[in-house]
Amino acid sequence: MTRFSEYAWQANLPLFEKTRDMPFNRELAEGSLPEEKFRHYMIQDAHYLEGFARGLSLVAAKGWQADDVVQFAKAAEVAIIVERELHAEYFELFGVTPDQFAATELSPSCNHYVSFLRATCAQEPFEVGLAALLPCFWIYREVGRAIHTDAHPDNPYSAWIDTYAGKDFADAVDAVIATLDAVAAQCSARNIERMHLAYRRSAQLEWMFWDSAYRLETWPV
């Protein structure tokens, strides 16, 4: 029987390839991405990570097993730690001040993504919330691997790109996939359908998030 993760990945492969090959990620690998666009991305990513952590906390509370609670509570903690490291290291490196970050609200795409995750994780059962969270883990890892492989050695964003290649993050993604597959094997056909819908919507929002950074998206009114 095909695992949930295998089916979801193959069903959304064209969307992943479009995300991997979009201008923001190509230029990041080349080192030609304008610094203004990268700063926009970093600021929105820090906002996103806080919302993502809250989604993980909601899912942790619904875990079927005690190990699920531990796994996703720890993942929420890591997301907050990474968000704080962004402030301490990369914001300083690329000239983003605390005041500038505090004064920049979530972009429309970031707000949409965070709102979707928090609503899904709060209102839907454990398995659907988990499916909504998976694309951030999985797509980020695979896009990151492609960028790391293609990155030029003198890339001005090399310090950021190197974070994509960490073994700890890769192992964490594998653990999330394994948990989701184990849960999906016990779900009804109706809930599997809802899981696939949640996964695809988040995968679409991943594309929108990177695209919004490339366009320097702000609220139009």
N, C-alpha and C. Protein backbone atom coordinates (compact mmCIF):
# COMPACT_ATOMS: atom_id res chain seq x y z
N MET A 1 0.85 -1.20 0.00
CA MET A 1 0.00 0.00 0.00
C MET A 1 0.88 1.25 0.00
N THR A 2 0.55 2.20 -0.84
CA THR A 2 1.33 3.44 -0.93
C THR A 2 1.16 4.27 0.33
N ARG A 3 2.26 4.71 0.88
CA ARG A 3 2.20 5.55 2.07
C ARG A 3 1.64 6.93 1.71
N PHE A 4 1.04 7.58 2.71
CA PHE A 4 0.47 8.91 2.49
C PHE A 4 1.53 9.85 1.93
N SER A 5 2.70 9.85 2.52
CA SER A 5 3.75 10.79 2.11
C SER A 5 4.16 10.57 0.66
N GLU A 6 4.27 9.32 0.24
CA GLU A 6 4.66 9.02 -1.14
C GLU A 6 3.62 9.55 -2.12
N TYR A 7 2.36 9.29 -1.80
CA TYR A 7 1.29 9.75 -2.70
C TYR A 7 1.24 11.27 -2.74
N ALA A 8 1.33 11.91 -1.56
CA ALA A 8 1.25 13.37 -1.50
C ALA A 8 2.40 14.01 -2.27
N TRP A 9 3.60 13.44 -2.13
CA TRP A 9 4.75 14.02 -2.83
C TRP A 9 4.60 13.91 -4.34
N GLN A 10 4.23 12.74 -4.80
CA GLN A 10 4.09 12.54 -6.25
C GLN A 10 2.94 13.35 -6.82
N ALA A 11 1.84 13.45 -6.09
CA ALA A 11 0.69 14.21 -6.57
C ALA A 11 1.00 15.69 -6.69
N ASN A 12 1.93 16.17 -5.87
CA ASN A 12 2.27 17.59 -5.86
C ASN A 12 3.67 17.87 -6.40
N LEU A 13 4.25 16.90 -7.10
CA LEU A 13 5.61 17.06 -7.61
C LEU A 13 5.75 18.26 -8.55
N PRO A 14 4.81 18.48 -9.49
CA PRO A 14 4.95 19.67 -10.36
C PRO A 14 4.98 20.98 -9.57
N LEU A 15 4.20 21.04 -8.49
CA LEU A 15 4.19 22.24 -7.65
C LEU A 15 5.53 22.40 -6.93
N PHE A 16 6.09 21.29 -6.44
CA PHE A 16 7.40 21.38 -5.81
C PHE A 16 8.46 21.85 -6.81
N GLU A 17 8.44 21.30 -8.01
CA GLU A 17 9.45 21.68 -9.01
C GLU A 17 9.32 23.15 -9.38
N LYS A 18 8.09 23.63 -9.44
CA LYS A 18 7.88 25.05 -9.72
C LYS A 18 8.42 25.91 -8.58
N THR A 19 8.26 25.45 -7.36
CA THR A 19 8.78 26.17 -6.19
C THR A 19 10.30 26.16 -6.19
N ARG A 20 10.87 25.01 -6.42
CA ARG A 20 12.34 24.88 -6.44
C ARG A 20 12.98 25.78 -7.48
N ASP A 21 12.32 25.93 -8.63
CA ASP A 21 12.92 26.63 -9.77
C ASP A 21 12.47 28.09 -9.89
N MET A 22 11.76 28.61 -8.90
CA MET A 22 11.27 29.98 -9.02
C MET A 22 12.43 30.97 -8.90
N PRO A 23 12.25 32.19 -9.42
CA PRO A 23 13.36 33.15 -9.47
C PRO A 23 14.04 33.41 -8.13
N PHE A 24 13.27 33.51 -7.05
CA PHE A 24 13.89 33.78 -5.75
C PHE A 24 14.93 32.72 -5.43
N ASN A 25 14.57 31.45 -5.58
CA ASN A 25 15.48 30.38 -5.20
C ASN A 25 16.65 30.23 -6.18
N ARG A 26 16.40 30.45 -7.46
CA ARG A 26 17.50 30.40 -8.43
C ARG A 26 18.53 31.49 -8.14
N GLU A 27 18.04 32.69 -7.89
CA GLU A 27 18.95 33.81 -7.65
C GLU A 27 19.64 33.70 -6.30
N LEU A 28 18.97 33.09 -5.32
CA LEU A 28 19.62 32.85 -4.04
C LEU A 28 20.81 31.92 -4.21
N ALA A 29 20.63 30.86 -5.00
CA ALA A 29 21.71 29.91 -5.26
C ALA A 29 22.85 30.57 -6.03
N GLU A 30 22.51 31.44 -6.96
CA GLU A 30 23.52 32.11 -7.78
C GLU A 30 24.24 33.22 -7.01
N GLY A 31 23.61 33.70 -5.95
CA GLY A 31 24.16 34.84 -5.23
C GLY A 31 23.79 36.17 -5.83
N SER A 32 22.87 36.15 -6.80
CA SER A 32 22.48 37.39 -7.49
C SER A 32 21.19 38.00 -6.95
N LEU A 33 20.59 37.37 -5.95
CA LEU A 33 19.35 37.89 -5.39
C LEU A 33 19.61 39.25 -4.74
N PRO A 34 18.83 40.28 -5.11
CA PRO A 34 19.02 41.59 -4.48
C PRO A 34 18.85 41.50 -2.96
N GLU A 35 19.74 42.17 -2.25
CA GLU A 35 19.73 42.08 -0.79
C GLU A 35 18.41 42.57 -0.21
N GLU A 36 17.77 43.52 -0.84
CA GLU A 36 16.48 44.02 -0.36
C GLU A 36 15.44 42.90 -0.32
N LYS A 37 15.47 42.04 -1.33
CA LYS A 37 14.51 40.93 -1.38
C LYS A 37 14.84 39.89 -0.32
N PHE A 38 16.12 39.67 -0.08
CA PHE A 38 16.51 38.71 0.95
C PHE A 38 16.12 39.21 2.33
N ARG A 39 16.32 40.50 2.59
CA ARG A 39 15.91 41.07 3.88
C ARG A 39 14.41 40.94 4.09
N HIS A 40 13.65 41.20 3.02
CA HIS A 40 12.19 41.05 3.10
C HIS A 40 11.84 39.61 3.47
N TYR A 41 12.51 38.67 2.82
CA TYR A 41 12.27 37.25 3.11
C TYR A 41 12.60 36.93 4.57
N MET A 42 13.74 37.38 5.06
CA MET A 42 14.15 37.08 6.43
C MET A 42 13.14 37.60 7.45
N ILE A 43 12.71 38.82 7.25
CA ILE A 43 11.76 39.41 8.18
C ILE A 43 10.45 38.62 8.19
N GLN A 44 9.94 38.30 7.02
CA GLN A 44 8.69 37.54 6.94
C GLN A 44 8.88 36.12 7.47
N ASP A 45 10.05 35.54 7.25
CA ASP A 45 10.32 34.19 7.75
C ASP A 45 10.31 34.17 9.27
N ALA A 46 10.86 35.21 9.89
CA ALA A 46 10.84 35.29 11.34
C ALA A 46 9.40 35.39 11.86
N HIS A 47 8.58 36.20 11.19
CA HIS A 47 7.16 36.28 11.57
C HIS A 47 6.49 34.91 11.38
N TYR A 48 6.79 34.28 10.26
CA TYR A 48 6.17 32.98 9.95
C TYR A 48 6.53 31.93 11.00
N LEU A 49 7.80 31.89 11.41
CA LEU A 49 8.24 30.85 12.33
C LEU A 49 7.50 30.90 13.66
N GLU A 50 7.16 32.10 14.11
CA GLU A 50 6.38 32.19 15.35
C GLU A 50 5.00 31.56 15.15
N GLY A 51 4.35 31.86 14.03
CA GLY A 51 3.05 31.26 13.75
C GLY A 51 3.15 29.76 13.55
N PHE A 52 4.20 29.32 12.88
CA PHE A 52 4.44 27.89 12.66
C PHE A 52 4.61 27.18 14.00
N ALA A 53 5.35 27.79 14.91
CA ALA A 53 5.55 27.20 16.24
C ALA A 53 4.23 27.06 16.98
N ARG A 54 3.36 28.05 16.84
CA ARG A 54 2.06 27.97 17.50
C ARG A 54 1.22 26.84 16.90
N GLY A 55 1.31 26.65 15.58
CA GLY A 55 0.63 25.53 14.96
C GLY A 55 1.15 24.20 15.46
N LEU A 56 2.46 24.08 15.59
CA LEU A 56 3.06 22.86 16.12
C LEU A 56 2.60 22.59 17.55
N SER A 57 2.48 23.64 18.35
CA SER A 57 2.03 23.48 19.73
C SER A 57 0.59 22.97 19.78
N LEU A 58 -0.25 23.48 18.88
CA LEU A 58 -1.63 23.01 18.82
C LEU A 58 -1.70 21.55 18.42
N VAL A 59 -0.89 21.15 17.45
CA VAL A 59 -0.86 19.76 17.02
C VAL A 59 -0.32 18.87 18.14
N ALA A 60 0.70 19.34 18.84
CA ALA A 60 1.28 18.55 19.94
C ALA A 60 0.21 18.20 20.97
N ALA A 61 -0.64 19.15 21.28
CA ALA A 61 -1.68 18.92 22.29
C ALA A 61 -2.68 17.86 21.87
N LYS A 62 -2.78 17.60 20.56
CA LYS A 62 -3.74 16.62 20.04
C LYS A 62 -3.08 15.27 19.73
N GLY A 63 -1.80 15.13 19.99
CA GLY A 63 -1.08 13.92 19.62
C GLY A 63 -1.75 12.65 20.12
N TRP A 64 -1.74 11.63 19.30
CA TRP A 64 -2.38 10.37 19.66
C TRP A 64 -1.59 9.63 20.75
N GLN A 65 -0.28 9.76 20.69
CA GLN A 65 0.59 9.08 21.64
C GLN A 65 1.42 10.12 22.40
N ALA A 66 1.92 9.73 23.56
CA ALA A 66 2.77 10.64 24.32
C ALA A 66 3.99 11.06 23.52
N ASP A 67 4.51 10.14 22.71
CA ASP A 67 5.67 10.46 21.87
C ASP A 67 5.34 11.56 20.87
N ASP A 68 4.10 11.58 20.38
CA ASP A 68 3.68 12.64 19.45
C ASP A 68 3.72 14.00 20.15
N VAL A 69 3.25 14.03 21.38
CA VAL A 69 3.25 15.29 22.14
C VAL A 69 4.68 15.80 22.29
N VAL A 70 5.59 14.90 22.66
CA VAL A 70 6.99 15.29 22.85
C VAL A 70 7.60 15.75 21.53
N GLN A 71 7.35 14.99 20.46
CA GLN A 71 7.95 15.31 19.15
C GLN A 71 7.58 16.71 18.68
N PHE A 72 6.30 17.05 18.76
CA PHE A 72 5.87 18.32 18.17
C PHE A 72 6.00 19.49 19.14
N ALA A 73 6.00 19.21 20.44
CA ALA A 73 6.33 20.27 21.39
C ALA A 73 7.79 20.69 21.23
N LYS A 74 8.67 19.70 21.03
CA LYS A 74 10.08 20.02 20.79
C LYS A 74 10.26 20.76 19.48
N ALA A 75 9.51 20.35 18.45
CA ALA A 75 9.60 21.04 17.16
C ALA A 75 9.18 22.50 17.29
N ALA A 76 8.15 22.75 18.11
CA ALA A 76 7.72 24.13 18.34
C ALA A 76 8.82 24.93 19.03
N GLU A 77 9.48 24.30 20.00
CA GLU A 77 10.58 24.97 20.70
C GLU A 77 11.71 25.32 19.73
N VAL A 78 12.05 24.38 18.86
CA VAL A 78 13.12 24.61 17.89
C VAL A 78 12.76 25.76 16.96
N ALA A 79 11.50 25.83 16.53
CA ALA A 79 11.08 26.91 15.63
C ALA A 79 11.27 28.28 16.29
N ILE A 80 10.98 28.37 17.58
CA ILE A 80 11.17 29.64 18.30
C ILE A 80 12.66 29.95 18.45
N ILE A 81 13.46 28.93 18.73
CA ILE A 81 14.91 29.13 18.85
C ILE A 81 15.48 29.64 17.54
N VAL A 82 15.06 29.04 16.43
CA VAL A 82 15.55 29.47 15.11
C VAL A 82 15.13 30.90 14.84
N GLU A 83 13.89 31.24 15.20
CA GLU A 83 13.41 32.62 14.99
C GLU A 83 14.27 33.61 15.77
N ARG A 84 14.66 33.26 16.98
CA ARG A 84 15.50 34.14 17.78
C ARG A 84 16.92 34.22 17.23
N GLU A 85 17.40 33.11 16.68
CA GLU A 85 18.73 33.13 16.07
C GLU A 85 18.75 34.02 14.83
N LEU A 86 17.63 34.06 14.12
CA LEU A 86 17.52 34.97 12.98
C LEU A 86 17.77 36.41 13.44
N HIS A 87 17.14 36.77 14.55
CA HIS A 87 17.31 38.12 15.08
C HIS A 87 18.76 38.38 15.46
N ALA A 88 19.33 37.42 16.18
CA ALA A 88 20.65 37.63 16.76
C ALA A 88 21.77 37.61 15.74
N GLU A 89 21.63 36.79 14.70
CA GLU A 89 22.74 36.59 13.76
C GLU A 89 22.48 37.19 12.39
N TYR A 90 21.48 36.69 11.70
CA TYR A 90 21.31 37.07 10.30
C TYR A 90 20.73 38.48 10.14
N PHE A 91 19.87 38.88 11.06
CA PHE A 91 19.38 40.26 10.97
C PHE A 91 20.54 41.24 11.08
N GLU A 92 21.42 40.98 12.02
CA GLU A 92 22.58 41.87 12.18
C GLU A 92 23.48 41.81 10.96
N LEU A 93 23.69 40.61 10.43
CA LEU A 93 24.57 40.43 9.27
C LEU A 93 24.07 41.20 8.06
N PHE A 94 22.74 41.24 7.88
CA PHE A 94 22.17 41.88 6.70
C PHE A 94 21.50 43.22 7.00
N GLY A 95 21.80 43.78 8.16
CA GLY A 95 21.40 45.15 8.43
C GLY A 95 19.94 45.36 8.77
N VAL A 96 19.30 44.36 9.39
CA VAL A 96 17.92 44.51 9.83
C VAL A 96 17.93 44.83 11.32
N THR A 97 17.45 45.99 11.70
CA THR A 97 17.45 46.39 13.10
C THR A 97 16.21 45.85 13.82
N PRO A 98 16.27 45.72 15.14
CA PRO A 98 15.08 45.30 15.89
C PRO A 98 13.88 46.21 15.64
N ASP A 99 14.13 47.50 15.54
CA ASP A 99 13.03 48.44 15.29
C ASP A 99 12.42 48.21 13.90
N GLN A 100 13.27 47.94 12.92
CA GLN A 100 12.78 47.69 11.57
C GLN A 100 11.92 46.43 11.54
N PHE A 101 12.37 45.38 12.24
CA PHE A 101 11.58 44.15 12.29
C PHE A 101 10.24 44.40 12.96
N ALA A 102 10.28 45.07 14.10
CA ALA A 102 9.05 45.31 14.87
C ALA A 102 8.05 46.16 14.09
N ALA A 103 8.56 47.03 13.23
CA ALA A 103 7.68 47.92 12.47
C ALA A 103 7.13 47.29 11.20
N THR A 104 7.62 46.11 10.84
CA THR A 104 7.19 45.45 9.60
C THR A 104 6.14 44.39 9.92
N GLU A 105 4.92 44.60 9.45
CA GLU A 105 3.86 43.64 9.72
C GLU A 105 3.95 42.46 8.76
N LEU A 106 3.21 41.42 9.06
CA LEU A 106 3.17 40.26 8.18
C LEU A 106 2.65 40.68 6.81
N SER A 107 3.30 40.20 5.76
CA SER A 107 2.82 40.45 4.40
C SER A 107 1.51 39.70 4.19
N PRO A 108 0.74 40.03 3.15
CA PRO A 108 -0.50 39.30 2.90
C PRO A 108 -0.29 37.79 2.77
N SER A 109 0.74 37.37 2.06
CA SER A 109 0.98 35.94 1.87
C SER A 109 1.40 35.27 3.16
N CYS A 110 2.27 35.92 3.92
CA CYS A 110 2.69 35.37 5.21
C CYS A 110 1.51 35.28 6.16
N ASN A 111 0.70 36.32 6.20
CA ASN A 111 -0.48 36.32 7.05
C ASN A 111 -1.44 35.20 6.66
N HIS A 112 -1.63 35.01 5.36
CA HIS A 112 -2.50 33.94 4.86
C HIS A 112 -1.99 32.58 5.32
N TYR A 113 -0.70 32.35 5.14
CA TYR A 113 -0.11 31.06 5.48
C TYR A 113 -0.21 30.78 6.98
N VAL A 114 0.18 31.74 7.79
CA VAL A 114 0.13 31.56 9.24
C VAL A 114 -1.30 31.35 9.70
N SER A 115 -2.22 32.13 9.17
CA SER A 115 -3.63 32.00 9.57
C SER A 115 -4.18 30.64 9.18
N PHE A 116 -3.82 30.16 7.99
CA PHE A 116 -4.27 28.84 7.56
C PHE A 116 -3.74 27.75 8.49
N LEU A 117 -2.46 27.81 8.82
CA LEU A 117 -1.88 26.78 9.69
C LEU A 117 -2.51 26.80 11.07
N ARG A 118 -2.64 27.97 11.64
CA ARG A 118 -3.18 28.05 13.00
C ARG A 118 -4.65 27.61 13.04
N ALA A 119 -5.42 27.99 12.03
CA ALA A 119 -6.83 27.59 11.99
C ALA A 119 -6.96 26.08 11.78
N THR A 120 -6.16 25.54 10.87
CA THR A 120 -6.23 24.11 10.59
C THR A 120 -5.80 23.30 11.80
N CYS A 121 -4.70 23.69 12.43
CA CYS A 121 -4.20 22.95 13.58
C CYS A 121 -5.13 23.06 14.78
N ALA A 122 -5.87 24.17 14.88
CA ALA A 122 -6.80 24.36 15.99
C ALA A 122 -8.13 23.65 15.77
N GLN A 123 -8.63 23.68 14.54
CA GLN A 123 -9.99 23.24 14.27
C GLN A 123 -10.10 21.82 13.72
N GLU A 124 -9.04 21.34 13.10
CA GLU A 124 -9.07 20.02 12.49
C GLU A 124 -8.43 18.98 13.41
N PRO A 125 -8.67 17.70 13.16
CA PRO A 125 -8.04 16.67 13.98
C PRO A 125 -6.53 16.61 13.78
N PHE A 126 -5.87 15.90 14.66
CA PHE A 126 -4.41 15.80 14.68
C PHE A 126 -3.82 15.52 13.31
N GLU A 127 -4.38 14.53 12.61
CA GLU A 127 -3.78 14.10 11.35
C GLU A 127 -3.87 15.16 10.26
N VAL A 128 -4.95 15.95 10.25
CA VAL A 128 -5.11 16.99 9.23
C VAL A 128 -4.17 18.16 9.53
N GLY A 129 -4.07 18.53 10.80
CA GLY A 129 -3.12 19.57 11.17
C GLY A 129 -1.70 19.18 10.83
N LEU A 130 -1.37 17.94 11.08
CA LEU A 130 -0.02 17.45 10.78
C LEU A 130 0.26 17.49 9.28
N ALA A 131 -0.72 17.12 8.47
CA ALA A 131 -0.56 17.18 7.02
C ALA A 131 -0.35 18.61 6.54
N ALA A 132 -1.01 19.57 7.20
CA ALA A 132 -0.83 20.98 6.82
C ALA A 132 0.56 21.48 7.17
N LEU A 133 1.16 20.95 8.23
CA LEU A 133 2.49 21.38 8.66
C LEU A 133 3.62 20.75 7.85
N LEU A 134 3.38 19.58 7.28
CA LEU A 134 4.46 18.84 6.63
C LEU A 134 5.14 19.59 5.48
N PRO A 135 4.42 20.27 4.59
CA PRO A 135 5.12 20.92 3.47
C PRO A 135 6.21 21.90 3.90
N CYS A 136 6.00 22.62 5.00
CA CYS A 136 7.04 23.54 5.45
C CYS A 136 8.32 22.77 5.76
N PHE A 137 8.20 21.66 6.45
CA PHE A 137 9.36 20.82 6.73
C PHE A 137 9.98 20.27 5.45
N TRP A 138 9.16 19.60 4.67
CA TRP A 138 9.66 18.77 3.56
C TRP A 138 10.10 19.61 2.37
N ILE A 139 9.26 20.53 1.94
CA ILE A 139 9.61 21.35 0.78
C ILE A 139 10.81 22.23 1.10
N TYR A 140 10.85 22.78 2.29
CA TYR A 140 11.99 23.62 2.69
C TYR A 140 13.28 22.80 2.63
N ARG A 141 13.22 21.56 3.12
CA ARG A 141 14.43 20.72 3.08
C ARG A 141 14.87 20.45 1.65
N GLU A 142 13.93 20.07 0.79
CA GLU A 142 14.31 19.68 -0.57
C GLU A 142 14.72 20.89 -1.41
N VAL A 143 14.05 22.01 -1.26
CA VAL A 143 14.48 23.23 -1.95
C VAL A 143 15.85 23.64 -1.42
N GLY A 144 16.02 23.55 -0.12
CA GLY A 144 17.30 23.90 0.48
C GLY A 144 18.44 23.04 -0.01
N ARG A 145 18.20 21.76 -0.16
CA ARG A 145 19.24 20.88 -0.69
C ARG A 145 19.63 21.27 -2.11
N ALA A 146 18.63 21.61 -2.92
CA ALA A 146 18.92 22.02 -4.30
C ALA A 146 19.72 23.31 -4.32
N ILE A 147 19.34 24.26 -3.48
CA ILE A 147 20.08 25.53 -3.41
C ILE A 147 21.50 25.30 -2.93
N HIS A 148 21.66 24.47 -1.91
CA HIS A 148 22.99 24.19 -1.36
C HIS A 148 23.88 23.52 -2.40
N THR A 149 23.30 22.62 -3.18
CA THR A 149 24.07 21.92 -4.22
C THR A 149 24.51 22.87 -5.32
N ASP A 150 23.63 23.81 -5.69
CA ASP A 150 23.89 24.70 -6.82
C ASP A 150 24.59 26.00 -6.43
N ALA A 151 24.74 26.25 -5.14
CA ALA A 151 25.25 27.55 -4.70
C ALA A 151 26.70 27.76 -5.13
N HIS A 152 27.01 28.98 -5.56
CA HIS A 152 28.37 29.36 -5.92
C HIS A 152 29.21 29.50 -4.65
N PRO A 153 30.49 29.15 -4.70
CA PRO A 153 31.32 29.18 -3.49
C PRO A 153 31.49 30.57 -2.87
N ASP A 154 31.42 31.62 -3.69
CA ASP A 154 31.57 32.98 -3.16
C ASP A 154 30.22 33.67 -2.96
N ASN A 155 29.19 32.88 -2.77
CA ASN A 155 27.83 33.40 -2.62
C ASN A 155 27.73 34.26 -1.36
N PRO A 156 27.20 35.48 -1.47
CA PRO A 156 27.07 36.33 -0.27
C PRO A 156 26.08 35.79 0.75
N TYR A 157 25.24 34.85 0.32
CA TYR A 157 24.26 34.26 1.23
C TYR A 157 24.70 32.87 1.72
N SER A 158 25.98 32.56 1.61
CA SER A 158 26.47 31.21 1.92
C SER A 158 26.19 30.80 3.36
N ALA A 159 26.29 31.75 4.30
CA ALA A 159 26.04 31.41 5.70
C ALA A 159 24.61 30.94 5.90
N TRP A 160 23.68 31.62 5.22
CA TRP A 160 22.27 31.20 5.30
C TRP A 160 22.08 29.86 4.59
N ILE A 161 22.64 29.72 3.40
CA ILE A 161 22.46 28.50 2.61
C ILE A 161 23.00 27.28 3.33
N ASP A 162 24.10 27.45 4.07
CA ASP A 162 24.69 26.33 4.79
C ASP A 162 23.73 25.74 5.82
N THR A 163 22.81 26.55 6.32
CA THR A 163 21.86 26.04 7.31
C THR A 163 20.91 25.02 6.70
N TYR A 164 20.74 25.07 5.38
CA TYR A 164 19.85 24.11 4.72
C TYR A 164 20.38 22.68 4.80
N ALA A 165 21.69 22.52 4.96
CA ALA A 165 22.32 21.20 4.83
C ALA A 165 22.46 20.47 6.16
N GLY A 166 21.90 21.01 7.23
CA GLY A 166 22.09 20.40 8.54
C GLY A 166 21.43 19.04 8.67
N LYS A 167 22.16 18.10 9.24
CA LYS A 167 21.65 16.74 9.42
C LYS A 167 20.51 16.70 10.43
N ASP A 168 20.59 17.52 11.47
CA ASP A 168 19.54 17.51 12.50
C ASP A 168 18.18 17.86 11.89
N PHE A 169 18.16 18.87 11.01
CA PHE A 169 16.90 19.25 10.38
C PHE A 169 16.41 18.15 9.45
N ALA A 170 17.33 17.56 8.67
CA ALA A 170 16.95 16.47 7.76
C ALA A 170 16.34 15.31 8.54
N ASP A 171 16.94 14.97 9.67
CA ASP A 171 16.42 13.87 10.49
C ASP A 171 15.05 14.22 11.08
N ALA A 172 14.87 15.48 11.46
CA ALA A 172 13.59 15.91 12.01
C ALA A 172 12.48 15.80 10.96
N VAL A 173 12.79 16.14 9.72
CA VAL A 173 11.81 16.02 8.64
C VAL A 173 11.43 14.57 8.44
N ASP A 174 12.42 13.68 8.42
CA ASP A 174 12.13 12.25 8.27
C ASP A 174 11.24 11.75 9.40
N ALA A 175 11.46 12.25 10.60
CA ALA A 175 10.65 11.83 11.74
C ALA A 175 9.20 12.29 11.60
N VAL A 176 9.00 13.51 11.10
CA VAL A 176 7.64 14.01 10.89
C VAL A 176 6.93 13.18 9.82
N ILE A 177 7.64 12.87 8.74
CA ILE A 177 7.06 12.04 7.67
C ILE A 177 6.66 10.68 8.23
N ALA A 178 7.53 10.07 9.03
CA ALA A 178 7.25 8.75 9.59
C ALA A 178 6.02 8.79 10.50
N THR A 179 5.91 9.82 11.32
CA THR A 179 4.75 9.95 12.20
C THR A 179 3.47 10.12 11.39
N LEU A 180 3.52 10.96 10.38
CA LEU A 180 2.33 11.19 9.57
C LEU A 180 1.91 9.92 8.84
N ASP A 181 2.85 9.18 8.31
CA ASP A 181 2.51 7.93 7.62
C ASP A 181 1.89 6.92 8.58
N ALA A 182 2.43 6.83 9.79
CA ALA A 182 1.88 5.90 10.77
C ALA A 182 0.46 6.29 11.16
N VAL A 183 0.21 7.58 11.31
CA VAL A 183 -1.13 8.07 11.65
C VAL A 183 -2.09 7.85 10.48
N ALA A 184 -1.64 8.18 9.27
CA ALA A 184 -2.50 8.05 8.09
C ALA A 184 -2.95 6.62 7.87
N ALA A 185 -2.11 5.66 8.22
CA ALA A 185 -2.45 4.25 8.04
C ALA A 185 -3.66 3.84 8.87
N GLN A 186 -4.01 4.65 9.85
CA GLN A 186 -5.14 4.33 10.73
C GLN A 186 -6.35 5.24 10.49
N CYS A 187 -6.28 6.08 9.46
CA CYS A 187 -7.33 7.06 9.22
C CYS A 187 -8.36 6.58 8.21
N SER A 188 -9.55 7.14 8.29
CA SER A 188 -10.60 6.83 7.33
C SER A 188 -10.28 7.47 5.98
N ALA A 189 -10.95 6.98 4.95
CA ALA A 189 -10.75 7.54 3.61
C ALA A 189 -11.13 9.01 3.58
N ARG A 190 -12.16 9.38 4.32
CA ARG A 190 -12.59 10.78 4.36
C ARG A 190 -11.50 11.67 4.97
N ASN A 191 -10.90 11.21 6.04
CA ASN A 191 -9.86 12.01 6.66
C ASN A 191 -8.58 12.05 5.82
N ILE A 192 -8.30 10.97 5.11
CA ILE A 192 -7.15 10.98 4.20
C ILE A 192 -7.35 12.05 3.13
N GLU A 193 -8.57 12.16 2.63
CA GLU A 193 -8.86 13.19 1.63
C GLU A 193 -8.64 14.58 2.21
N ARG A 194 -9.09 14.80 3.44
CA ARG A 194 -8.88 16.10 4.09
C ARG A 194 -7.40 16.37 4.31
N MET A 195 -6.64 15.34 4.61
CA MET A 195 -5.19 15.48 4.80
C MET A 195 -4.52 15.91 3.50
N HIS A 196 -4.93 15.31 2.40
CA HIS A 196 -4.34 15.67 1.11
C HIS A 196 -4.68 17.12 0.73
N LEU A 197 -5.90 17.53 1.03
CA LEU A 197 -6.28 18.92 0.75
C LEU A 197 -5.44 19.90 1.57
N ALA A 198 -5.23 19.56 2.84
CA ALA A 198 -4.44 20.43 3.72
C ALA A 198 -2.99 20.48 3.26
N TYR A 199 -2.46 19.33 2.87
CA TYR A 199 -1.07 19.28 2.38
C TYR A 199 -0.91 20.15 1.14
N ARG A 200 -1.82 20.01 0.20
CA ARG A 200 -1.70 20.78 -1.04
C ARG A 200 -1.83 22.28 -0.79
N ARG A 201 -2.75 22.66 0.06
CA ARG A 201 -2.90 24.09 0.33
C ARG A 201 -1.63 24.67 0.93
N SER A 202 -1.02 23.97 1.85
CA SER A 202 0.23 24.46 2.42
C SER A 202 1.35 24.48 1.38
N ALA A 203 1.39 23.49 0.50
CA ALA A 203 2.40 23.49 -0.55
C ALA A 203 2.22 24.69 -1.47
N GLN A 204 0.98 25.04 -1.76
CA GLN A 204 0.72 26.24 -2.56
C GLN A 204 1.16 27.50 -1.82
N LEU A 205 0.93 27.53 -0.53
CA LEU A 205 1.31 28.69 0.27
C LEU A 205 2.82 28.81 0.42
N GLU A 206 3.53 27.68 0.36
CA GLU A 206 5.00 27.74 0.32
C GLU A 206 5.46 28.52 -0.92
N TRP A 207 4.88 28.18 -2.06
CA TRP A 207 5.23 28.89 -3.30
C TRP A 207 4.90 30.38 -3.15
N MET A 208 3.72 30.66 -2.63
CA MET A 208 3.29 32.06 -2.49
C MET A 208 4.22 32.84 -1.56
N PHE A 209 4.71 32.18 -0.53
CA PHE A 209 5.58 32.86 0.43
C PHE A 209 6.87 33.32 -0.24
N TRP A 210 7.54 32.42 -0.97
CA TRP A 210 8.77 32.79 -1.66
C TRP A 210 8.50 33.84 -2.74
N ASP A 211 7.40 33.65 -3.46
CA ASP A 211 7.07 34.61 -4.51
C ASP A 211 6.81 35.99 -3.93
N SER A 212 6.16 36.05 -2.78
CA SER A 212 5.86 37.34 -2.17
C SER A 212 7.13 38.07 -1.76
N ALA A 213 8.14 37.33 -1.32
CA ALA A 213 9.42 37.95 -0.97
C ALA A 213 10.09 38.52 -2.21
N TYR A 214 10.01 37.79 -3.31
CA TYR A 214 10.63 38.26 -4.55
C TYR A 214 9.97 39.54 -5.04
N ARG A 215 8.66 39.65 -4.81
CA ARG A 215 7.91 40.83 -5.25
C ARG A 215 7.90 41.94 -4.21
N LEU A 216 8.57 41.71 -3.06
CA LEU A 216 8.56 42.68 -1.95
C LEU A 216 7.12 43.03 -1.57
N GLU A 217 6.31 42.00 -1.42
CA GLU A 217 4.87 42.18 -1.22
C GLU A 217 4.56 42.95 0.07
N THR A 218 3.67 43.91 -0.05
CA THR A 218 3.11 44.62 1.09
C THR A 218 1.60 44.72 0.89
N TRP A 219 0.91 45.21 1.90
CA TRP A 219 -0.54 45.37 1.78
C TRP A 219 -0.84 46.51 0.81
N PRO A 220 -1.71 46.27 -0.16
CA PRO A 220 -1.97 47.31 -1.18
C PRO A 220 -2.81 48.47 -0.68
N VAL A 221 -3.54 48.27 0.41
CA VAL A 221 -4.38 49.35 0.95
C VAL A 221 -4.23 49.39 2.47
